[in-house]
Amino acid sequence: MVPMNRTQQAWGKKKIAGALSMNAKSAFHNVRKTHPGRRMEDPDLEPDLVRWAQSFMTNRHVNLVLDSETGPAKLVDTGIPQGYPAAPIRFITYLSGIFDEVEREVSGIRGLSFADDTAWWAE
């Protein structure tokens, strides 16, 4: 259920509800390649799926192009590639530990995320 529906239900019970929305700036560029891999080490996930997802963050190189001059290739070990179809899923995997921790520590709070847009809701 989305926060707005929850908020309206809380108001119907004469309770106070609030939400905090956040956007993680440059979120995809700052994902460390080792962290999402560890988060995906779940016994319920297919090992081939984990290896496939991790492969998109391994042995990546970038070239800087400035005024039509291409610089040398440099190894990149952070960030989720632009245009990578599973990038939102990788990023949510990266953030999932934060949701678990906050929801465990703060009674009644719930997190909701779509890629790098996150909302926290409490009644």
Protein backbone atom coordinates (compact mmCIF):
# COMPACT_ATOMS: atom_id res chain seq x y z
CA MET A 1 0.00 0.00 0.00
CA VAL A 2 1.43 3.40 -0.91
CA PRO A 3 2.08 6.02 1.79
CA MET A 4 -0.85 8.23 0.71
CA ASN A 5 -3.38 5.43 1.26
CA ARG A 6 -1.77 4.63 4.61
CA THR A 7 -1.87 8.29 5.57
CA GLN A 8 -5.57 8.61 4.73
CA GLN A 9 -6.31 5.47 6.76
CA ALA A 10 -4.36 6.89 9.72
CA TRP A 11 -6.30 10.15 9.50
CA GLY A 12 -9.54 8.13 9.43
CA LYS A 13 -8.46 6.64 12.80
CA LYS A 14 -7.69 10.17 14.10
CA LYS A 15 -3.96 9.48 14.12
CA ILE A 16 -1.05 11.53 12.86
CA ALA A 17 0.96 10.25 9.91
CA GLY A 18 3.96 11.65 8.10
CA ALA A 19 6.36 10.86 5.32
CA LEU A 20 9.89 11.89 4.46
CA SER A 21 10.93 11.67 0.81
CA MET A 22 14.55 11.55 -0.28
CA ASN A 23 16.46 11.34 -3.53
CA ALA A 24 19.99 9.95 -3.39
CA LYS A 25 22.10 12.23 -5.60
CA SER A 26 24.47 10.39 -7.97
CA ALA A 27 23.30 7.17 -6.35
CA PHE A 28 24.03 4.77 -9.19
CA HIS A 29 27.53 6.21 -9.71
CA ASN A 30 28.58 5.49 -6.12
CA VAL A 31 27.58 1.84 -5.70
CA ARG A 32 30.58 -0.27 -4.70
CA LYS A 33 30.74 -3.50 -6.67
CA THR A 34 31.37 -5.72 -3.63
CA HIS A 35 28.43 -4.52 -1.52
CA PRO A 36 25.50 -5.50 -3.79
CA GLY A 37 27.18 -8.85 -4.40
CA ARG A 38 27.18 -9.60 -0.67
CA ARG A 39 23.56 -8.45 -0.35
CA MET A 40 22.58 -10.87 -3.13
CA GLU A 41 24.15 -13.84 -1.35
CA ASP A 42 20.76 -15.08 -0.26
CA PRO A 43 20.00 -18.81 -0.25
CA ASP A 44 16.74 -18.10 -2.12
CA LEU A 45 18.46 -16.44 -5.09
CA GLU A 46 19.61 -18.50 -8.04
CA PRO A 47 23.46 -18.49 -8.09
CA ASP A 48 23.51 -17.96 -11.88
CA LEU A 49 21.38 -14.82 -11.44
CA VAL A 50 23.81 -13.47 -8.83
CA ARG A 51 26.81 -14.17 -11.10
CA TRP A 52 25.05 -12.54 -14.08
CA ALA A 53 24.23 -9.42 -12.07
CA GLN A 54 27.76 -9.23 -10.67
CA SER A 55 29.26 -9.55 -14.17
CA PHE A 56 27.92 -6.11 -15.07
CA MET A 57 30.11 -4.59 -12.37
CA THR A 58 33.31 -6.48 -13.22
CA ASN A 59 36.14 -5.52 -15.61
CA ARG A 60 34.51 -2.25 -16.68
CA HIS A 61 36.52 0.49 -18.36
CA VAL A 62 35.68 4.07 -19.30
CA ASN A 63 37.23 6.58 -21.66
CA LEU A 64 36.93 10.34 -21.22
CA VAL A 65 36.16 12.18 -24.46
CA LEU A 66 36.86 15.91 -24.49
CA ASP A 67 36.75 18.05 -27.65
CA SER A 68 36.72 14.89 -29.79
CA GLU A 69 39.91 13.60 -28.13
CA THR A 70 39.53 10.20 -26.47
CA GLY A 71 41.64 9.55 -23.40
CA PRO A 72 43.05 6.18 -22.35
CA ALA A 73 40.76 3.50 -20.91
CA LYS A 74 40.61 3.47 -17.11
CA LEU A 75 39.35 0.64 -14.93
CA VAL A 76 36.17 1.51 -13.01
CA ASP A 77 35.30 -0.41 -9.85
CA THR A 78 32.31 1.61 -8.63
CA GLY A 79 28.95 2.47 -10.08
CA ILE A 80 26.18 0.67 -11.89
CA PRO A 81 26.51 1.05 -15.69
CA GLN A 82 24.18 3.54 -17.38
CA GLY A 83 21.52 1.79 -19.44
CA TYR A 84 21.98 -1.48 -17.56
CA PRO A 85 18.45 -2.99 -17.59
CA ALA A 86 18.66 -4.32 -14.04
CA ALA A 87 20.20 -1.13 -12.58
CA PRO A 88 17.15 -0.26 -10.43
CA ILE A 89 17.11 -3.79 -9.00
CA ARG A 90 20.85 -3.67 -8.28
CA PHE A 91 20.45 -0.34 -6.54
CA ILE A 92 17.51 -1.49 -4.43
CA THR A 93 19.58 -4.54 -3.45
CA TYR A 94 22.30 -2.10 -2.43
CA LEU A 95 19.86 -0.13 -0.25
CA SER A 96 17.94 -3.06 1.20
CA GLY A 97 20.10 -3.30 4.32
CA ILE A 98 19.26 0.31 5.20
CA PHE A 99 15.54 -0.46 5.14
CA ASP A 100 16.00 -3.52 7.37
CA GLU A 101 18.08 -1.54 9.87
CA VAL A 102 15.81 1.51 10.08
CA GLU A 103 12.60 -0.54 10.30
CA ARG A 104 14.15 -2.66 13.07
CA GLU A 105 15.30 0.39 15.06
CA VAL A 106 12.31 2.72 14.61
CA SER A 107 8.97 1.27 15.64
CA GLY A 108 6.19 1.71 13.09
CA ILE A 109 8.29 3.21 10.28
CA ARG A 110 8.14 1.74 6.79
CA GLY A 111 10.40 2.35 3.81
CA LEU A 112 9.41 2.49 0.18
CA SER A 113 11.85 2.85 -2.70
CA PHE A 114 11.85 3.18 -6.45
CA ALA A 115 15.45 3.21 -7.62
CA ASP A 116 17.12 6.22 -5.95
CA ASP A 117 13.86 7.79 -4.70
CA THR A 118 13.08 6.71 -1.16
CA ALA A 119 10.25 7.51 1.24
CA TRP A 120 9.92 6.78 4.94
CA TRP A 121 6.39 6.69 6.39
CA ALA A 122 5.24 6.54 10.00
CA GLU A 123 1.91 6.68 11.82
